[in-house]
Amino acid sequence: MAEMTRRDMLKGAAVAGAAAAVAGLAGCAAGAEKPATSSAAASADAAAEAMAEFKMVLGAEAGGSNFGIYRESADLHGDASETDDTLANLNSAMGGETGAHTKYAAFAEAAAAAGLDRIAALFEATSKAEDLHRHEEERVAQLLDPDAKLPEKPSVSPTETDGNLIAGARGEIYETAEMYPIYIATAIKERDAETDADKKDALDQAVQAFTRAKLAEAYHAKWYMDAYTTIDTPTDEKYWLCTTCGFIHKGAKPGACPICGLTEYEEF
């Protein structure tokens, strides 16, 4: 039997870890509007395990022409808001999603220039998904504050595509395991205590917007990790973006979206 290399084993561990994280995170989609605290904790644990296994891959021997050395960066999707105020959290989320939308568009251009067309398509799909998230969060924020608006797009300096995939996966795991669970819990607490009907409804919409984004980011992390571990053996499979919630599927066109239940997709 041929000897399995360390890189092969770690690649498998990364994909398995990503699948476990997505299974744990997406499992609460059916009850997405009112996620339980225990579900959020389980989601954080699953994503933390996936992140730990993914970091193992970063130390594996480079075994292909498109694998390089990844240097740690503090630039993820921005820090989570430390307030117990949903409007502040919406503004924070808009900033993070705007940064992600802009970065992934730049990463797509870098991947295309390197001849990695399928990875470029994935970055294009996720860039558009983050654009959906930031505009939905802006819409909800304006229900609470008519003057709320999206921030300016930041400047971006992409690196090599393998590093961009790692940065993207880390940012998505952060959002799905740390940032959005905090924002969801805060919005639920505010909503349940609110007596004004209009504000209560706005906070309920914030819960839904945060929850859909959280679940979609888990799938984004999965496909980034998949693209990283198969960067030298790409396929011609398509990506499908749900144009309502930002869920992304790879392969044949899916049926009903597992997050929002709709069937409107854009092909990449």
Protein backbone atom coordinates (compact mmCIF):
# COMPACT_ATOMS: atom_id res chain seq x y z
CA MET A 1 0.00 0.00 0.00
CA ALA A 2 1.37 3.43 -0.92
CA GLU A 3 2.43 5.57 2.00
CA MET A 4 0.04 8.43 2.79
CA THR A 5 1.85 11.73 3.13
CA ARG A 6 1.36 14.04 6.09
CA ARG A 7 -0.11 16.65 3.79
CA ASP A 8 -2.70 14.14 2.49
CA MET A 9 -3.78 13.27 6.02
CA LEU A 10 -4.04 16.90 7.04
CA LYS A 11 -5.99 17.79 3.93
CA GLY A 12 -8.52 15.13 4.90
CA ALA A 13 -8.65 16.42 8.45
CA ALA A 14 -9.35 19.96 7.24
CA VAL A 15 -12.22 18.88 5.02
CA ALA A 16 -13.68 16.65 7.76
CA GLY A 17 -13.41 19.48 10.27
CA ALA A 18 -15.14 21.88 7.92
CA ALA A 19 -17.93 19.39 7.32
CA ALA A 20 -18.40 18.94 11.07
CA ALA A 21 -18.59 22.69 11.61
CA VAL A 22 -21.13 23.14 8.83
CA ALA A 23 -23.23 20.23 10.10
CA GLY A 24 -23.35 21.73 13.56
CA LEU A 25 -24.04 25.25 12.34
CA ALA A 26 -26.52 24.45 9.60
CA GLY A 27 -28.41 22.05 11.84
CA CYS A 28 -30.19 24.93 13.54
CA ALA A 29 -31.43 26.40 10.25
CA ALA A 30 -34.94 25.07 10.75
CA GLY A 31 -35.31 27.05 13.96
CA ALA A 32 -33.21 29.93 12.75
CA GLU A 33 -35.46 32.74 13.88
CA LYS A 34 -35.09 31.85 17.58
CA PRO A 35 -31.80 29.94 18.06
CA ALA A 36 -31.20 28.50 21.53
CA THR A 37 -28.19 29.49 23.60
CA SER A 38 -27.11 25.83 23.73
CA SER A 39 -27.17 25.67 19.92
CA ALA A 40 -24.96 28.73 19.69
CA ALA A 41 -22.50 27.15 22.11
CA ALA A 42 -22.46 23.90 20.16
CA SER A 43 -21.92 25.84 16.93
CA ALA A 44 -18.99 27.71 18.45
CA ASP A 45 -17.43 24.44 19.66
CA ALA A 46 -17.80 22.80 16.24
CA ALA A 47 -16.30 25.75 14.41
CA ALA A 48 -13.46 26.00 16.94
CA GLU A 49 -12.59 22.36 16.28
CA ALA A 50 -12.64 23.00 12.52
CA MET A 51 -10.36 26.00 12.99
CA ALA A 52 -7.91 23.95 15.06
CA GLU A 53 -7.70 21.28 12.38
CA PHE A 54 -7.42 23.90 9.65
CA LYS A 55 -4.43 25.45 11.44
CA MET A 56 -2.75 22.04 11.22
CA VAL A 57 -2.88 22.31 7.45
CA LEU A 58 -1.02 25.60 7.61
CA GLY A 59 1.98 23.75 9.02
CA ALA A 60 1.92 20.95 6.45
CA GLU A 61 4.64 20.61 3.84
CA ALA A 62 3.84 22.46 0.63
CA GLY A 63 3.13 19.72 -1.90
CA GLY A 64 1.92 21.61 -4.95
CA SER A 65 2.87 24.55 -7.08
CA ASN A 66 0.06 26.71 -5.72
CA PHE A 67 0.82 26.11 -2.03
CA GLY A 68 2.92 28.76 -0.34
CA ILE A 69 3.79 29.91 3.16
CA TYR A 70 0.92 31.55 4.98
CA ARG A 71 1.83 34.41 7.28
CA GLU A 72 -0.56 35.17 10.12
CA SER A 73 -2.60 38.33 9.74
CA ALA A 74 -4.80 40.15 12.22
CA ASP A 75 -6.97 41.46 9.39
CA LEU A 76 -10.11 39.33 9.47
CA HIS A 77 -13.55 40.89 9.18
CA GLY A 78 -13.19 43.47 11.93
CA ASP A 79 -13.77 43.11 15.64
CA ALA A 80 -17.18 42.25 17.02
CA SER A 81 -19.04 45.08 18.70
CA GLU A 82 -18.72 44.99 22.49
CA THR A 83 -22.09 46.64 23.14
CA ASP A 84 -25.44 45.15 24.09
CA ASP A 85 -27.14 47.29 21.46
CA THR A 86 -28.45 45.72 18.25
CA LEU A 87 -28.19 48.92 16.23
CA ALA A 88 -24.48 49.15 17.09
CA ASN A 89 -24.12 45.48 16.17
CA LEU A 90 -25.84 46.06 12.83
CA ASN A 91 -23.40 48.88 12.09
CA SER A 92 -20.50 46.62 13.09
CA ALA A 93 -21.79 43.80 10.90
CA MET A 94 -22.21 46.17 7.95
CA GLY A 95 -18.56 47.12 8.34
CA GLY A 96 -17.43 43.51 8.45
CA GLU A 97 -19.54 42.47 5.49
CA THR A 98 -18.43 45.48 3.47
CA GLY A 99 -14.80 44.56 4.13
CA ALA A 100 -15.42 40.94 3.16
CA HIS A 101 -17.33 41.90 0.01
CA THR A 102 -14.48 44.17 -1.08
CA LYS A 103 -11.70 41.71 -0.20
CA TYR A 104 -13.30 38.79 -1.98
CA ALA A 105 -13.78 40.83 -5.15
CA ALA A 106 -10.05 41.64 -5.10
CA PHE A 107 -9.21 38.01 -4.32
CA ALA A 108 -11.29 36.93 -7.33
CA GLU A 109 -9.25 39.16 -9.61
CA ALA A 110 -6.00 37.77 -8.20
CA ALA A 111 -7.17 34.18 -8.67
CA ALA A 112 -8.25 34.86 -12.24
CA ALA A 113 -4.88 36.44 -13.01
CA ALA A 114 -3.20 33.28 -11.67
CA GLY A 115 -5.32 31.10 -13.95
CA LEU A 116 -7.38 29.67 -11.06
CA ASP A 117 -10.73 30.24 -12.70
CA ARG A 118 -12.88 28.08 -10.39
CA ILE A 119 -11.43 29.72 -7.29
CA ALA A 120 -12.04 33.11 -8.89
CA ALA A 121 -15.68 32.06 -9.37
CA LEU A 122 -15.93 31.06 -5.69
CA PHE A 123 -14.56 34.42 -4.57
CA GLU A 124 -16.99 36.20 -6.91
CA ALA A 125 -19.91 34.23 -5.44
CA THR A 126 -18.91 34.93 -1.83
CA SER A 127 -18.28 38.60 -2.60
CA LYS A 128 -21.83 38.87 -3.87
CA ALA A 129 -23.14 36.92 -0.85
CA GLU A 130 -21.51 39.41 1.51
CA ASP A 131 -23.01 42.22 -0.55
CA LEU A 132 -26.46 40.67 0.04
CA HIS A 133 -25.74 40.48 3.78
CA ARG A 134 -24.54 44.06 4.13
CA HIS A 135 -27.50 45.51 2.24
CA GLU A 136 -29.98 43.47 4.28
CA GLU A 137 -28.31 44.65 7.48
CA GLU A 138 -28.47 48.23 6.23
CA ARG A 139 -32.19 47.82 5.52
CA VAL A 140 -32.84 46.52 9.04
CA ALA A 141 -30.60 49.15 10.65
CA GLN A 142 -32.62 51.90 8.95
CA LEU A 143 -35.76 50.58 10.67
CA LEU A 144 -34.05 51.49 13.95
CA ASP A 145 -32.21 54.58 12.70
CA PRO A 146 -33.18 56.18 9.35
CA ASP A 147 -29.69 57.70 9.11
CA ALA A 148 -27.89 54.34 9.24
CA LYS A 149 -25.84 53.65 6.11
CA LEU A 150 -23.12 51.41 4.77
CA PRO A 151 -19.49 52.40 5.41
CA GLU A 152 -17.01 53.22 2.67
CA LYS A 153 -15.30 50.24 1.05
CA PRO A 154 -11.73 49.69 2.30
CA SER A 155 -8.64 49.37 0.12
CA VAL A 156 -7.42 45.80 -0.33
CA SER A 157 -4.03 44.28 -1.16
CA PRO A 158 -4.50 40.61 -2.07
CA THR A 159 -1.68 38.09 -1.59
CA GLU A 160 -1.23 34.71 -3.27
CA THR A 161 -4.49 32.83 -3.76
CA ASP A 162 -3.72 30.09 -1.23
CA GLY A 163 -3.21 32.73 1.45
CA ASN A 164 -6.36 34.54 0.37
CA LEU A 165 -8.36 31.32 0.80
CA ILE A 166 -6.98 30.87 4.31
CA ALA A 167 -7.78 34.48 5.22
CA GLY A 168 -11.29 34.03 3.85
CA ALA A 169 -11.90 30.79 5.78
CA ARG A 170 -10.65 32.32 9.03
CA GLY A 171 -12.91 35.33 8.60
CA GLU A 172 -15.96 33.21 7.82
CA ILE A 173 -15.38 30.94 10.83
CA TYR A 174 -14.98 33.99 13.04
CA GLU A 175 -18.29 35.42 11.86
CA THR A 176 -20.23 32.20 12.12
CA ALA A 177 -18.80 31.01 15.45
CA GLU A 178 -18.15 34.25 17.33
CA MET A 179 -19.55 37.46 15.88
CA TYR A 180 -23.04 36.53 14.73
CA PRO A 181 -23.94 34.32 17.73
CA ILE A 182 -23.25 37.34 19.99
CA TYR A 183 -25.36 39.61 17.80
CA ILE A 184 -28.22 37.09 17.61
CA ALA A 185 -28.36 36.65 21.38
CA THR A 186 -28.36 40.41 21.92
CA ALA A 187 -31.13 40.99 19.36
CA ILE A 188 -33.29 38.24 20.88
CA LYS A 189 -32.85 39.73 24.35
CA GLU A 190 -33.77 43.22 23.14
CA ARG A 191 -36.70 41.96 21.07
CA ASP A 192 -38.20 40.00 23.94
CA ALA A 193 -37.96 43.01 26.28
CA GLU A 194 -39.26 45.58 23.76
CA THR A 195 -42.82 46.89 24.17
CA ASP A 196 -43.02 49.09 21.06
CA ALA A 197 -44.50 46.95 18.26
CA ASP A 198 -42.53 48.55 15.40
CA LYS A 199 -39.21 48.34 17.18
CA LYS A 200 -39.97 44.79 18.27
CA ASP A 201 -40.58 43.85 14.64
CA ALA A 202 -37.33 45.52 13.56
CA LEU A 203 -35.40 43.59 16.19
CA ASP A 204 -37.04 40.37 15.04
CA GLN A 205 -35.85 41.13 11.51
CA ALA A 206 -32.36 41.71 12.91
CA VAL A 207 -32.45 38.24 14.48
CA GLN A 208 -33.36 36.75 11.12
CA ALA A 209 -30.75 38.76 9.18
CA PHE A 210 -27.97 37.82 11.61
CA THR A 211 -29.01 34.16 11.70
CA ARG A 212 -29.18 33.76 7.94
CA ALA A 213 -25.78 35.42 7.56
CA LYS A 214 -24.30 33.21 10.28
CA LEU A 215 -25.48 30.01 8.59
CA ALA A 216 -24.37 31.15 5.13
CA GLU A 217 -20.87 32.00 6.37
CA ALA A 218 -20.41 28.39 7.53
CA TYR A 219 -20.90 27.20 3.96
CA HIS A 220 -18.49 29.85 2.70
CA ALA A 221 -15.83 28.59 5.12
CA LYS A 222 -16.43 25.03 3.93
CA TRP A 223 -15.87 25.92 0.26
CA TYR A 224 -12.79 28.04 1.01
CA MET A 225 -11.22 25.13 2.87
CA ASP A 226 -12.24 22.75 0.09
CA ALA A 227 -10.68 25.06 -2.52
CA TYR A 228 -7.49 25.39 -0.49
CA THR A 229 -6.95 21.66 -0.01
CA THR A 230 -7.67 20.95 -3.71
CA ILE A 231 -5.94 24.00 -5.16
CA ASP A 232 -3.69 21.90 -7.42
CA THR A 233 -6.46 19.52 -8.51
CA PRO A 234 -9.37 21.80 -9.43
CA THR A 235 -12.62 20.57 -10.97
CA ASP A 236 -15.00 22.34 -13.31
CA GLU A 237 -17.90 22.14 -10.85
CA LYS A 238 -20.13 25.19 -10.62
CA TYR A 239 -21.03 27.28 -7.59
CA TRP A 240 -24.62 28.33 -6.95
CA LEU A 241 -25.46 31.41 -4.87
CA CYS A 242 -28.85 31.78 -3.22
CA THR A 243 -29.72 35.35 -4.11
CA THR A 244 -31.87 35.73 -0.98
CA CYS A 245 -29.62 34.67 1.90
CA GLY A 246 -26.11 34.14 0.48
CA PHE A 247 -25.97 30.33 0.84
CA ILE A 248 -23.51 28.77 -1.64
CA HIS A 249 -23.60 25.24 -3.08
CA LYS A 250 -21.00 23.47 -5.21
CA GLY A 251 -21.98 20.96 -7.91
CA ALA A 252 -25.34 20.51 -9.62
CA LYS A 253 -27.97 23.18 -9.13
CA PRO A 254 -29.61 22.58 -5.72
CA GLY A 255 -33.28 22.53 -4.86
CA ALA A 256 -34.69 24.54 -1.99
CA CYS A 257 -32.08 26.54 -0.10
CA PRO A 258 -31.41 24.86 3.29
CA ILE A 259 -31.30 28.27 5.00
CA CYS A 260 -34.17 30.33 3.57
CA GLY A 261 -36.13 27.65 1.68
CA LEU A 262 -36.22 29.55 -1.62
CA THR A 263 -35.00 28.38 -5.03
CA GLU A 264 -33.56 31.49 -6.70
CA TYR A 265 -29.87 30.93 -7.55
CA GLU A 266 -27.13 32.65 -9.52
CA GLU A 267 -24.60 30.44 -11.27
CA PHE A 268 -20.85 31.02 -11.00
